[in-house]
Amino acid sequence: MYKSEPIFLEPVFQERIWGGQKLRTDFKYEIPYEKTGEAWVISALPHGSSMIANGPLQGKTLEHAWNEHGELFNKQSTEQKEYPLLVKILDAAEDLSVQVHPNDEFARNVEGVPYGKTECWYVLSAEEGAELVLGHHAQSREELEQMIDQGKWDELLRRIKVKAGDFVYVPSGTIHAIGKGIVILETQQSSDITYRVYDYDRMDSAGNKRELHLDRAKEVTTIPHKDAEVEQIETVIGDLVEKKLVEEQYFTVYHWKLDGKATRTLNKDFLQVSVVEGTADVKIGEQSFHIEKGSHFILPYNIGEYEVVGNAEFIVSHE
């Protein structure tokens, strides 16, 4: 049995045409690319699984831990073959492509993968006036197809301004794009399926326009667009203020703000934790683990009672 301690994870970095340097300047990561767009900070995807940085499984991947040590996640059955969630930090030095993701049924039937992609974003930082695409103005599928085919992007796309601390829930079927100057922490289903709708006619490093996926995008987009309504609930536990950002089918996500100490008991199968500001310590029995901005870890099923001490902010999630 893995002893009761957090499972710390190393990020997997992804080069993106729209990426920048803020994962280095804001989080002190040693990024490998000039345009590093994504850090997959809690990932068990086969083509980008986080490496475990401590304990008996040090040097193994999270995918390995999920497959071979299911007791850490209270994994009772072999039916759930894939780890369910993926957490990323995205640095949009330029606008991301406008895109949409399928639901589970479409992903299984058409792509042959277990999960579609519902996601949510916590805005870590945003330049003044920064905005993102969330939804569209088409009232019918025919209107959507016509506006896409005619390139009427200003008429079609719905844009909203955001600032640090904002939260955005993006169900599958929602046309969306993160805008220039925004850094987010994204919690999502463990899926990498993207249907690109519009890419500003950008060229890749080889001088080619990136592929679009218009037929499938038209098929999976929800029409008409309706903003998802989420109820946010705030609770105080010791010196910790917990705000539940969303509780939906695939995940529950919280923002924690700690100014002192708080004692918690893990009553979920496992808990994903990302430190987005400050420093703290996690205490479990006689053990103490230092954490700081940019730390990402999982509290496994056998953790029991734990204490957090310090001044920090966290994004926390579970299935």
C-alpha atoms as a PDB file:
ATOM      1  CA  MET A   1       0.000   0.000   0.000  1.00  0.00           C
ATOM      2  CA  TYR A   2       1.292   3.431  -0.955  1.00  0.00           C
ATOM      3  CA  LYS A   3       1.868   5.375   2.259  1.00  0.00           C
ATOM      4  CA  SER A   4      -0.344   8.347   3.077  1.00  0.00           C
ATOM      5  CA  GLU A   5       1.287  11.240   1.299  1.00  0.00           C
ATOM      6  CA  PRO A   6       0.497  13.586  -1.594  1.00  0.00           C
ATOM      7  CA  ILE A   7       1.448  12.437  -5.089  1.00  0.00           C
ATOM      8  CA  PHE A   8       3.424  15.346  -6.583  1.00  0.00           C
ATOM      9  CA  LEU A   9       3.458  15.647 -10.368  1.00  0.00           C
ATOM     10  CA  GLU A  10       5.783  17.193 -12.944  1.00  0.00           C
ATOM     11  CA  PRO A  11       4.174  19.169 -15.808  1.00  0.00           C
ATOM     12  CA  VAL A  12       4.266  18.040 -19.434  1.00  0.00           C
ATOM     13  CA  PHE A  13       4.830  21.046 -21.725  1.00  0.00           C
ATOM     14  CA  GLN A  14       3.255  21.513 -25.134  1.00  0.00           C
ATOM     15  CA  GLU A  15       4.468  23.808 -27.906  1.00  0.00           C
ATOM     16  CA  ARG A  16       1.666  25.861 -29.441  1.00  0.00           C
ATOM     17  CA  ILE A  17       1.593  28.432 -32.245  1.00  0.00           C
ATOM     18  CA  TRP A  18      -0.133  30.867 -29.843  1.00  0.00           C
ATOM     19  CA  GLY A  19       2.051  30.139 -26.793  1.00  0.00           C
ATOM     20  CA  GLY A  20       4.473  32.407 -24.956  1.00  0.00           C
ATOM     21  CA  GLN A  21       6.832  32.620 -21.972  1.00  0.00           C
ATOM     22  CA  LYS A  22       4.531  33.173 -18.975  1.00  0.00           C
ATOM     23  CA  LEU A  23       4.821  29.592 -17.788  1.00  0.00           C
ATOM     24  CA  ARG A  24       8.461  30.503 -17.132  1.00  0.00           C
ATOM     25  CA  THR A  25       8.032  34.058 -15.841  1.00  0.00           C
ATOM     26  CA  ASP A  26       4.884  33.457 -13.763  1.00  0.00           C
ATOM     27  CA  PHE A  27       5.477  29.894 -12.548  1.00  0.00           C
ATOM     28  CA  LYS A  28       9.283  29.506 -12.767  1.00  0.00           C
ATOM     29  CA  TYR A  29       8.960  26.398 -14.903  1.00  0.00           C
ATOM     30  CA  GLU A  30      11.890  25.428 -17.114  1.00  0.00           C
ATOM     31  CA  ILE A  31       9.937  25.490 -20.349  1.00  0.00           C
ATOM     32  CA  PRO A  32      11.397  23.805 -23.451  1.00  0.00           C
ATOM     33  CA  TYR A  33       9.923  25.980 -26.212  1.00  0.00           C
ATOM     34  CA  GLU A  34       9.921  29.630 -27.253  1.00  0.00           C
ATOM     35  CA  LYS A  35       6.159  29.314 -27.681  1.00  0.00           C
ATOM     36  CA  THR A  36       5.118  27.104 -24.781  1.00  0.00           C
ATOM     37  CA  GLY A  37       1.348  27.222 -24.750  1.00  0.00           C
ATOM     38  CA  GLU A  38       0.330  24.508 -22.317  1.00  0.00           C
ATOM     39  CA  ALA A  39       1.536  22.776 -19.172  1.00  0.00           C
ATOM     40  CA  TRP A  40      -0.361  19.549 -18.601  1.00  0.00           C
ATOM     41  CA  VAL A  41       0.044  19.635 -14.845  1.00  0.00           C
ATOM     42  CA  ILE A  42      -2.206  16.694 -13.874  1.00  0.00           C
ATOM     43  CA  SER A  43      -2.441  14.358 -16.840  1.00  0.00           C
ATOM     44  CA  ALA A  44      -2.726  10.630 -17.462  1.00  0.00           C
ATOM     45  CA  LEU A  45      -3.168  10.820 -21.233  1.00  0.00           C
ATOM     46  CA  PRO A  46      -0.892   8.244 -22.900  1.00  0.00           C
ATOM     47  CA  HIS A  47       0.753  10.893 -25.110  1.00  0.00           C
ATOM     48  CA  GLY A  48       1.373  13.291 -22.227  1.00  0.00           C
ATOM     49  CA  SER A  49       1.202  11.720 -18.791  1.00  0.00           C
ATOM     50  CA  SER A  50       2.603  13.600 -15.792  1.00  0.00           C
ATOM     51  CA  MET A  51       5.610  12.064 -14.046  1.00  0.00           C
ATOM     52  CA  ILE A  52       5.386  11.329 -10.314  1.00  0.00           C
ATOM     53  CA  ALA A  53       8.064  13.251  -8.412  1.00  0.00           C
ATOM     54  CA  ASN A  54       8.053  11.582  -4.987  1.00  0.00           C
ATOM     55  CA  GLY A  55       7.391   8.427  -3.003  1.00  0.00           C
ATOM     56  CA  PRO A  56       7.520   4.763  -4.040  1.00  0.00           C
ATOM     57  CA  LEU A  57       6.219   5.565  -7.531  1.00  0.00           C
ATOM     58  CA  GLN A  58       8.752   8.317  -8.219  1.00  0.00           C
ATOM     59  CA  GLY A  59       9.711   8.252 -11.900  1.00  0.00           C
ATOM     60  CA  LYS A  60       6.511   6.459 -12.905  1.00  0.00           C
ATOM     61  CA  THR A  61       3.680   8.171 -14.769  1.00  0.00           C
ATOM     62  CA  LEU A  62       0.259   9.041 -13.416  1.00  0.00           C
ATOM     63  CA  GLU A  63      -1.130   6.753 -16.116  1.00  0.00           C
ATOM     64  CA  HIS A  64       0.906   3.898 -14.601  1.00  0.00           C
ATOM     65  CA  ALA A  65      -0.337   4.702 -11.088  1.00  0.00           C
ATOM     66  CA  TRP A  66      -3.955   4.707 -12.294  1.00  0.00           C
ATOM     67  CA  ASN A  67      -3.582   1.410 -14.142  1.00  0.00           C
ATOM     68  CA  GLU A  68      -1.462  -0.477 -11.601  1.00  0.00           C
ATOM     69  CA  HIS A  69      -2.344   1.105  -8.234  1.00  0.00           C
ATOM     70  CA  GLY A  70      -6.073   1.698  -8.462  1.00  0.00           C
ATOM     71  CA  GLU A  71      -6.376   1.596  -4.668  1.00  0.00           C
ATOM     72  CA  LEU A  72      -4.869   5.101  -4.564  1.00  0.00           C
ATOM     73  CA  PHE A  73      -7.969   6.400  -6.343  1.00  0.00           C
ATOM     74  CA  ASN A  74     -10.548   4.029  -4.797  1.00  0.00           C
ATOM     75  CA  LYS A  75     -10.833   2.486  -8.251  1.00  0.00           C
ATOM     76  CA  GLN A  76     -13.175  -0.385  -7.514  1.00  0.00           C
ATOM     77  CA  SER A  77     -13.673  -1.780 -10.978  1.00  0.00           C
ATOM     78  CA  THR A  78     -11.743  -2.296 -14.177  1.00  0.00           C
ATOM     79  CA  GLU A  79     -14.610  -0.796 -16.184  1.00  0.00           C
ATOM     80  CA  GLN A  80     -13.148   2.695 -15.891  1.00  0.00           C
ATOM     81  CA  LYS A  81      -9.993   2.157 -17.899  1.00  0.00           C
ATOM     82  CA  GLU A  82      -8.943   5.816 -18.274  1.00  0.00           C
ATOM     83  CA  TYR A  83      -8.157   8.438 -15.668  1.00  0.00           C
ATOM     84  CA  PRO A  84     -11.137  10.812 -15.869  1.00  0.00           C
ATOM     85  CA  LEU A  85      -9.682  14.326 -15.562  1.00  0.00           C
ATOM     86  CA  LEU A  86      -6.981  16.557 -17.022  1.00  0.00           C
ATOM     87  CA  VAL A  87      -5.667  19.837 -15.569  1.00  0.00           C
ATOM     88  CA  LYS A  88      -3.697  22.331 -17.660  1.00  0.00           C
ATOM     89  CA  ILE A  89      -2.283  25.828 -17.452  1.00  0.00           C
ATOM     90  CA  LEU A  90      -2.555  27.724 -20.749  1.00  0.00           C
ATOM     91  CA  ASP A  91      -0.594  30.841 -21.721  1.00  0.00           C
ATOM     92  CA  ALA A  92      -2.277  32.612 -24.638  1.00  0.00           C
ATOM     93  CA  ALA A  93       0.330  35.027 -25.977  1.00  0.00           C
ATOM     94  CA  GLU A  94      -1.891  35.172 -29.073  1.00  0.00           C
ATOM     95  CA  ASP A  95      -5.524  34.251 -29.712  1.00  0.00           C
ATOM     96  CA  LEU A  96      -6.265  30.527 -29.702  1.00  0.00           C
ATOM     97  CA  SER A  97      -8.173  29.086 -32.621  1.00  0.00           C
ATOM     98  CA  VAL A  98     -11.955  29.119 -32.373  1.00  0.00           C
ATOM     99  CA  GLN A  99     -12.979  25.545 -31.619  1.00  0.00           C
ATOM    100  CA  VAL A 100     -15.603  23.187 -30.258  1.00  0.00           C
ATOM    101  CA  HIS A 101     -15.483  19.774 -28.562  1.00  0.00           C
ATOM    102  CA  PRO A 102     -17.822  16.776 -28.872  1.00  0.00           C
ATOM    103  CA  ASN A 103     -19.775  15.075 -26.092  1.00  0.00           C
ATOM    104  CA  ASP A 104     -19.040  11.539 -24.857  1.00  0.00           C
ATOM    105  CA  GLU A 105     -21.450   9.827 -27.228  1.00  0.00           C
ATOM    106  CA  PHE A 106     -20.002  11.495 -30.333  1.00  0.00           C
ATOM    107  CA  ALA A 107     -16.441  10.882 -29.119  1.00  0.00           C
ATOM    108  CA  ARG A 108     -17.107   7.187 -28.627  1.00  0.00           C
ATOM    109  CA  ASN A 109     -19.093   6.603 -31.811  1.00  0.00           C
ATOM    110  CA  VAL A 110     -17.071   8.759 -34.214  1.00  0.00           C
ATOM    111  CA  GLU A 111     -13.574   9.079 -32.721  1.00  0.00           C
ATOM    112  CA  GLY A 112     -13.411   5.757 -30.871  1.00  0.00           C
ATOM    113  CA  VAL A 113     -12.268   7.347 -27.594  1.00  0.00           C
ATOM    114  CA  PRO A 114     -14.002   7.165 -24.199  1.00  0.00           C
ATOM    115  CA  TYR A 115     -14.448  10.843 -23.384  1.00  0.00           C
ATOM    116  CA  GLY A 116     -15.695  13.953 -25.100  1.00  0.00           C
ATOM    117  CA  LYS A 117     -14.588  17.245 -23.639  1.00  0.00           C
ATOM    118  CA  THR A 118     -16.399  19.444 -21.176  1.00  0.00           C
ATOM    119  CA  GLU A 119     -14.042  21.921 -19.541  1.00  0.00           C
ATOM    120  CA  CYS A 120     -13.858  24.972 -17.295  1.00  0.00           C
ATOM    121  CA  TRP A 121     -11.427  27.844 -16.906  1.00  0.00           C
ATOM    122  CA  TYR A 122     -10.195  29.787 -13.897  1.00  0.00           C
ATOM    123  CA  VAL A 123      -8.566  33.009 -15.129  1.00  0.00           C
ATOM    124  CA  LEU A 124      -5.171  33.366 -13.420  1.00  0.00           C
ATOM    125  CA  SER A 125      -4.236  36.621 -15.164  1.00  0.00           C
ATOM    126  CA  ALA A 126      -5.529  38.768 -17.996  1.00  0.00           C
ATOM    127  CA  GLU A 127      -4.251  41.883 -19.688  1.00  0.00           C
ATOM    128  CA  GLU A 128      -6.532  44.912 -19.535  1.00  0.00           C
ATOM    129  CA  GLY A 129      -9.359  44.561 -22.038  1.00  0.00           C
ATOM    130  CA  ALA A 130      -8.654  40.864 -22.688  1.00  0.00           C
ATOM    131  CA  GLU A 131     -11.571  38.904 -24.069  1.00  0.00           C
ATOM    132  CA  LEU A 132     -12.476  35.400 -25.096  1.00  0.00           C
ATOM    133  CA  VAL A 133     -14.986  33.726 -27.374  1.00  0.00           C
ATOM    134  CA  LEU A 134     -17.827  31.940 -25.596  1.00  0.00           C
ATOM    135  CA  GLY A 135     -20.722  30.833 -27.750  1.00  0.00           C
ATOM    136  CA  HIS A 136     -22.270  32.170 -30.949  1.00  0.00           C
ATOM    137  CA  HIS A 137     -25.264  34.156 -32.229  1.00  0.00           C
ATOM    138  CA  ALA A 138     -26.714  31.677 -34.737  1.00  0.00           C
ATOM    139  CA  GLN A 139     -30.328  30.676 -34.060  1.00  0.00           C
ATOM    140  CA  SER A 140     -30.442  27.588 -36.281  1.00  0.00           C
ATOM    141  CA  ARG A 141     -28.028  25.026 -37.698  1.00  0.00           C
ATOM    142  CA  GLU A 142     -28.645  26.413 -41.171  1.00  0.00           C
ATOM    143  CA  GLU A 143     -27.704  29.904 -39.984  1.00  0.00           C
ATOM    144  CA  LEU A 144     -24.602  28.579 -38.231  1.00  0.00           C
ATOM    145  CA  GLU A 145     -23.446  26.735 -41.347  1.00  0.00           C
ATOM    146  CA  GLN A 146     -24.104  29.737 -43.569  1.00  0.00           C
ATOM    147  CA  MET A 147     -22.196  32.152 -41.320  1.00  0.00           C
ATOM    148  CA  ILE A 148     -19.238  29.751 -41.076  1.00  0.00           C
ATOM    149  CA  ASP A 149     -19.191  29.118 -44.833  1.00  0.00           C
ATOM    150  CA  GLN A 150     -19.314  32.861 -45.558  1.00  0.00           C
ATOM    151  CA  GLY A 151     -16.697  33.709 -42.911  1.00  0.00           C
ATOM    152  CA  LYS A 152     -18.991  36.065 -40.986  1.00  0.00           C
ATOM    153  CA  TRP A 153     -16.959  35.690 -37.816  1.00  0.00           C
ATOM    154  CA  ASP A 154     -17.739  39.089 -36.307  1.00  0.00           C
ATOM    155  CA  GLU A 155     -21.459  38.368 -36.630  1.00  0.00           C
ATOM    156  CA  LEU A 156     -21.234  34.753 -35.492  1.00  0.00           C
ATOM    157  CA  LEU A 157     -18.886  34.781 -32.498  1.00  0.00           C
ATOM    158  CA  ARG A 158     -19.910  35.951 -29.047  1.00  0.00           C
ATOM    159  CA  ARG A 159     -17.075  37.685 -27.184  1.00  0.00           C
ATOM    160  CA  ILE A 160     -16.852  38.525 -23.480  1.00  0.00           C
ATOM    161  CA  LYS A 161     -14.256  40.428 -21.462  1.00  0.00           C
ATOM    162  CA  VAL A 162     -12.545  38.687 -18.549  1.00  0.00           C
ATOM    163  CA  LYS A 163     -10.243  39.526 -15.666  1.00  0.00           C
ATOM    164  CA  ALA A 164      -8.188  37.600 -13.125  1.00  0.00           C
ATOM    165  CA  GLY A 165     -10.403  35.541 -10.823  1.00  0.00           C
ATOM    166  CA  ASP A 166     -13.196  35.000 -13.353  1.00  0.00           C
ATOM    167  CA  PHE A 167     -14.533  31.485 -13.870  1.00  0.00           C
ATOM    168  CA  VAL A 168     -15.971  30.114 -17.118  1.00  0.00           C
ATOM    169  CA  TYR A 169     -17.769  26.784 -17.569  1.00  0.00           C
ATOM    170  CA  VAL A 170     -17.584  25.381 -21.115  1.00  0.00           C
ATOM    171  CA  PRO A 171     -19.799  22.332 -21.769  1.00  0.00           C
ATOM    172  CA  SER A 172     -19.129  20.180 -24.830  1.00  0.00           C
ATOM    173  CA  GLY A 173     -20.775  21.684 -27.906  1.00  0.00           C
ATOM    174  CA  THR A 174     -19.797  25.259 -26.942  1.00  0.00           C
ATOM    175  CA  ILE A 175     -17.860  27.266 -29.531  1.00  0.00           C
ATOM    176  CA  HIS A 176     -15.022  28.949 -27.639  1.00  0.00           C
ATOM    177  CA  ALA A 177     -11.529  30.427 -27.755  1.00  0.00           C
ATOM    178  CA  ILE A 178      -9.164  31.886 -25.181  1.00  0.00           C
ATOM    179  CA  GLY A 179      -7.986  35.342 -26.196  1.00  0.00           C
ATOM    180  CA  LYS A 180      -4.587  36.987 -26.313  1.00  0.00           C
ATOM    181  CA  GLY A 181      -3.125  38.026 -22.962  1.00  0.00           C
ATOM    182  CA  ILE A 182      -5.002  35.485 -20.841  1.00  0.00           C
ATOM    183  CA  VAL A 183      -3.509  32.767 -18.625  1.00  0.00           C
ATOM    184  CA  ILE A 184      -5.947  30.142 -17.343  1.00  0.00           C
ATOM    185  CA  LEU A 185      -6.022  26.977 -15.311  1.00  0.00           C
ATOM    186  CA  GLU A 186      -8.260  24.523 -17.136  1.00  0.00           C
ATOM    187  CA  THR A 187      -9.991  21.533 -15.572  1.00  0.00           C
ATOM    188  CA  GLN A 188     -11.514  19.173 -18.115  1.00  0.00           C
ATOM    189  CA  GLN A 189     -12.416  15.644 -19.037  1.00  0.00           C
ATOM    190  CA  SER A 190      -9.366  13.620 -19.962  1.00  0.00           C
ATOM    191  CA  SER A 191      -9.658  14.148 -23.701  1.00  0.00           C
ATOM    192  CA  ASP A 192      -7.651  15.881 -26.394  1.00  0.00           C
ATOM    193  CA  ILE A 193     -10.319  16.081 -29.132  1.00  0.00           C
ATOM    194  CA  THR A 194     -10.615  19.506 -30.741  1.00  0.00           C
ATOM    195  CA  TYR A 195     -12.568  20.552 -33.830  1.00  0.00           C
ATOM    196  CA  ARG A 196     -11.055  23.767 -35.150  1.00  0.00           C
ATOM    197  CA  VAL A 197     -13.560  26.225 -36.642  1.00  0.00           C
ATOM    198  CA  TYR A 198     -11.453  29.315 -37.396  1.00  0.00           C
ATOM    199  CA  ASP A 199      -7.747  30.063 -37.020  1.00  0.00           C
ATOM    200  CA  TYR A 200      -7.380  33.661 -38.269  1.00  0.00           C
ATOM    201  CA  ASP A 201      -5.727  32.300 -41.453  1.00  0.00           C
ATOM    202  CA  ARG A 202      -2.479  31.785 -39.539  1.00  0.00           C
ATOM    203  CA  MET A 203       0.418  29.849 -41.006  1.00  0.00           C
ATOM    204  CA  ASP A 204       2.325  27.154 -39.144  1.00  0.00           C
ATOM    205  CA  SER A 205       6.130  26.907 -39.106  1.00  0.00           C
ATOM    206  CA  ALA A 206       6.030  25.146 -42.486  1.00  0.00           C
ATOM    207  CA  GLY A 207       4.011  27.966 -44.069  1.00  0.00           C
ATOM    208  CA  ASN A 208       0.721  26.058 -44.153  1.00  0.00           C
ATOM    209  CA  LYS A 209      -2.645  27.001 -42.727  1.00  0.00           C
ATOM    210  CA  ARG A 210      -3.643  24.715 -39.884  1.00  0.00           C
ATOM    211  CA  GLU A 211      -6.339  22.144 -40.575  1.00  0.00           C
ATOM    212  CA  LEU A 212      -9.951  23.051 -39.871  1.00  0.00           C
ATOM    213  CA  HIS A 213     -12.651  20.531 -38.963  1.00  0.00           C
ATOM    214  CA  LEU A 214     -15.754  22.345 -40.173  1.00  0.00           C
ATOM    215  CA  ASP A 215     -18.064  19.412 -40.903  1.00  0.00           C
ATOM    216  CA  ARG A 216     -17.686  17.885 -37.457  1.00  0.00           C
ATOM    217  CA  ALA A 217     -17.730  21.279 -35.768  1.00  0.00           C
ATOM    218  CA  LYS A 218     -21.061  22.107 -37.403  1.00  0.00           C
ATOM    219  CA  GLU A 219     -22.413  18.738 -36.303  1.00  0.00           C
ATOM    220  CA  VAL A 220     -21.493  18.950 -32.605  1.00  0.00           C
ATOM    221  CA  THR A 221     -22.134  22.657 -31.883  1.00  0.00           C
ATOM    222  CA  THR A 222     -25.058  23.334 -29.547  1.00  0.00           C
ATOM    223  CA  ILE A 223     -27.671  25.616 -31.157  1.00  0.00           C
ATOM    224  CA  PRO A 224     -28.772  28.085 -29.992  1.00  0.00           C
ATOM    225  CA  HIS A 225     -26.015  28.929 -27.513  1.00  0.00           C
ATOM    226  CA  LYS A 226     -27.101  29.324 -23.918  1.00  0.00           C
ATOM    227  CA  ASP A 227     -24.739  30.263 -21.104  1.00  0.00           C
ATOM    228  CA  ALA A 228     -24.400  27.496 -18.539  1.00  0.00           C
ATOM    229  CA  GLU A 229     -25.746  28.503 -15.144  1.00  0.00           C
ATOM    230  CA  VAL A 230     -23.620  27.370 -12.215  1.00  0.00           C
ATOM    231  CA  GLU A 231     -24.348  27.955  -8.559  1.00  0.00           C
ATOM    232  CA  GLN A 232     -21.309  29.067  -6.583  1.00  0.00           C
ATOM    233  CA  ILE A 233     -21.340  28.347  -2.854  1.00  0.00           C
ATOM    234  CA  GLU A 234     -18.865  29.733  -0.302  1.00  0.00           C
ATOM    235  CA  THR A 235     -17.923  27.900   2.902  1.00  0.00           C
ATOM    236  CA  VAL A 236     -15.451  28.822   5.660  1.00  0.00           C
ATOM    237  CA  ILE A 237     -13.380  26.020   7.218  1.00  0.00           C
ATOM    238  CA  GLY A 238     -10.912  27.302   9.803  1.00  0.00           C
ATOM    239  CA  ASP A 239      -8.811  29.926   8.049  1.00  0.00           C
ATOM    240  CA  LEU A 240      -9.755  28.611   4.618  1.00  0.00           C
ATOM    241  CA  VAL A 241     -12.475  30.097   2.426  1.00  0.00           C
ATOM    242  CA  GLU A 242     -13.773  27.475  -0.007  1.00  0.00           C
ATOM    243  CA  LYS A 243     -15.765  28.602  -3.035  1.00  0.00           C
ATOM    244  CA  LYS A 244     -17.397  25.851  -5.059  1.00  0.00           C
ATOM    245  CA  LEU A 245     -17.053  27.103  -8.643  1.00  0.00           C
ATOM    246  CA  VAL A 246     -18.959  24.327 -10.407  1.00  0.00           C
ATOM    247  CA  GLU A 247     -20.513  20.971  -9.587  1.00  0.00           C
ATOM    248  CA  GLU A 248     -21.561  19.213 -12.747  1.00  0.00           C
ATOM    249  CA  GLN A 249     -21.635  15.739 -14.303  1.00  0.00           C
ATOM    250  CA  TYR A 250     -17.918  15.331 -14.940  1.00  0.00           C
ATOM    251  CA  PHE A 251     -16.179  17.294 -12.213  1.00  0.00           C
ATOM    252  CA  THR A 252     -16.507  19.532  -9.189  1.00  0.00           C
ATOM    253  CA  VAL A 253     -14.061  22.446  -8.952  1.00  0.00           C
ATOM    254  CA  TYR A 254     -13.283  24.726  -5.998  1.00  0.00           C
ATOM    255  CA  HIS A 255     -11.221  27.819  -5.299  1.00  0.00           C
ATOM    256  CA  TRP A 256      -9.556  27.747  -1.884  1.00  0.00           C
ATOM    257  CA  LYS A 257      -8.078  30.837  -0.229  1.00  0.00           C
ATOM    258  CA  LEU A 258      -5.997  30.019   2.840  1.00  0.00           C
ATOM    259  CA  ASP A 259      -4.802  32.570   5.392  1.00  0.00           C
ATOM    260  CA  GLY A 260      -3.649  30.544   8.376  1.00  0.00           C
ATOM    261  CA  LYS A 261      -4.554  26.895   8.798  1.00  0.00           C
ATOM    262  CA  ALA A 262      -7.403  24.491   8.201  1.00  0.00           C
ATOM    263  CA  THR A 263      -7.954  20.809   8.945  1.00  0.00           C
ATOM    264  CA  ARG A 264      -9.757  18.693   6.365  1.00  0.00           C
ATOM    265  CA  THR A 265     -10.709  15.053   5.939  1.00  0.00           C
ATOM    266  CA  LEU A 266     -10.584  13.562   2.451  1.00  0.00           C
ATOM    267  CA  ASN A 267     -14.041  12.159   1.728  1.00  0.00           C
ATOM    268  CA  LYS A 268     -13.662  11.773  -2.037  1.00  0.00           C
ATOM    269  CA  ASP A 269     -11.949   9.048  -4.056  1.00  0.00           C
ATOM    270  CA  PHE A 270      -9.055  11.452  -4.636  1.00  0.00           C
ATOM    271  CA  LEU A 271      -8.451  15.195  -4.801  1.00  0.00           C
ATOM    272  CA  GLN A 272      -6.494  17.153  -7.430  1.00  0.00           C
ATOM    273  CA  VAL A 273      -4.757  20.266  -6.066  1.00  0.00           C
ATOM    274  CA  SER A 274      -2.993  23.111  -7.903  1.00  0.00           C
ATOM    275  CA  VAL A 275      -1.326  25.956  -6.008  1.00  0.00           C
ATOM    276  CA  VAL A 276      -1.921  29.163  -7.984  1.00  0.00           C
ATOM    277  CA  GLU A 277      -0.617  31.740  -5.468  1.00  0.00           C
ATOM    278  CA  GLY A 278       1.490  31.815  -2.318  1.00  0.00           C
ATOM    279  CA  THR A 279       3.142  29.124  -0.205  1.00  0.00           C
ATOM    280  CA  ALA A 280       1.914  26.623   2.364  1.00  0.00           C
ATOM    281  CA  ASP A 281       2.540  23.238   3.943  1.00  0.00           C
ATOM    282  CA  VAL A 282       0.419  20.111   3.832  1.00  0.00           C
ATOM    283  CA  LYS A 283       0.651  18.169   7.088  1.00  0.00           C
ATOM    284  CA  ILE A 284      -0.341  14.507   7.327  1.00  0.00           C
ATOM    285  CA  GLY A 285       0.387  12.922  10.680  1.00  0.00           C
ATOM    286  CA  GLU A 286       4.038  13.640  11.472  1.00  0.00           C
ATOM    287  CA  GLN A 287       4.895  14.427   7.847  1.00  0.00           C
ATOM    288  CA  SER A 288       4.976  17.919   6.350  1.00  0.00           C
ATOM    289  CA  PHE A 289       5.164  18.747   2.629  1.00  0.00           C
ATOM    290  CA  HIS A 290       6.025  22.238   1.403  1.00  0.00           C
ATOM    291  CA  ILE A 291       3.998  23.568  -1.519  1.00  0.00           C
ATOM    292  CA  GLU A 292       4.128  26.805  -3.498  1.00  0.00           C
ATOM    293  CA  LYS A 293       2.742  28.490  -6.588  1.00  0.00           C
ATOM    294  CA  GLY A 294       3.181  26.027  -9.435  1.00  0.00           C
ATOM    295  CA  SER A 295       2.924  22.892  -7.255  1.00  0.00           C
ATOM    296  CA  HIS A 296       0.429  20.263  -8.413  1.00  0.00           C
ATOM    297  CA  PHE A 297      -0.450  17.094  -6.557  1.00  0.00           C
ATOM    298  CA  ILE A 298      -3.094  14.480  -5.857  1.00  0.00           C
ATOM    299  CA  LEU A 299      -4.293  13.575  -2.393  1.00  0.00           C
ATOM    300  CA  PRO A 300      -4.960   9.814  -2.726  1.00  0.00           C
ATOM    301  CA  TYR A 301      -7.852   7.862  -1.259  1.00  0.00           C
ATOM    302  CA  ASN A 302      -5.969   6.662   1.835  1.00  0.00           C
ATOM    303  CA  ILE A 303      -4.898  10.141   2.976  1.00  0.00           C
ATOM    304  CA  GLY A 304      -7.496  10.561   5.749  1.00  0.00           C
ATOM    305  CA  GLU A 305      -7.144  13.773   7.765  1.00  0.00           C
ATOM    306  CA  TYR A 306      -4.738  16.468   6.629  1.00  0.00           C
ATOM    307  CA  GLU A 307      -3.933  20.067   7.530  1.00  0.00           C
ATOM    308  CA  VAL A 308      -2.950  22.968   5.296  1.00  0.00           C
ATOM    309  CA  VAL A 309      -0.975  25.828   6.828  1.00  0.00           C
ATOM    310  CA  GLY A 310       0.137  29.056   5.149  1.00  0.00           C
ATOM    311  CA  ASN A 311      -1.033  31.811   2.844  1.00  0.00           C
ATOM    312  CA  ALA A 312      -1.997  30.465  -0.535  1.00  0.00           C
ATOM    313  CA  GLU A 313      -4.690  30.040  -3.164  1.00  0.00           C
ATOM    314  CA  PHE A 314      -5.590  26.719  -4.757  1.00  0.00           C
ATOM    315  CA  ILE A 315      -7.770  25.302  -7.505  1.00  0.00           C
ATOM    316  CA  VAL A 316      -9.024  21.937  -6.307  1.00  0.00           C
ATOM    317  CA  SER A 317     -11.069  19.349  -8.196  1.00  0.00           C
ATOM    318  CA  HIS A 318     -12.457  15.832  -8.140  1.00  0.00           C
ATOM    319  CA  GLU A 319     -14.589  13.650 -10.361  1.00  0.00           C
END
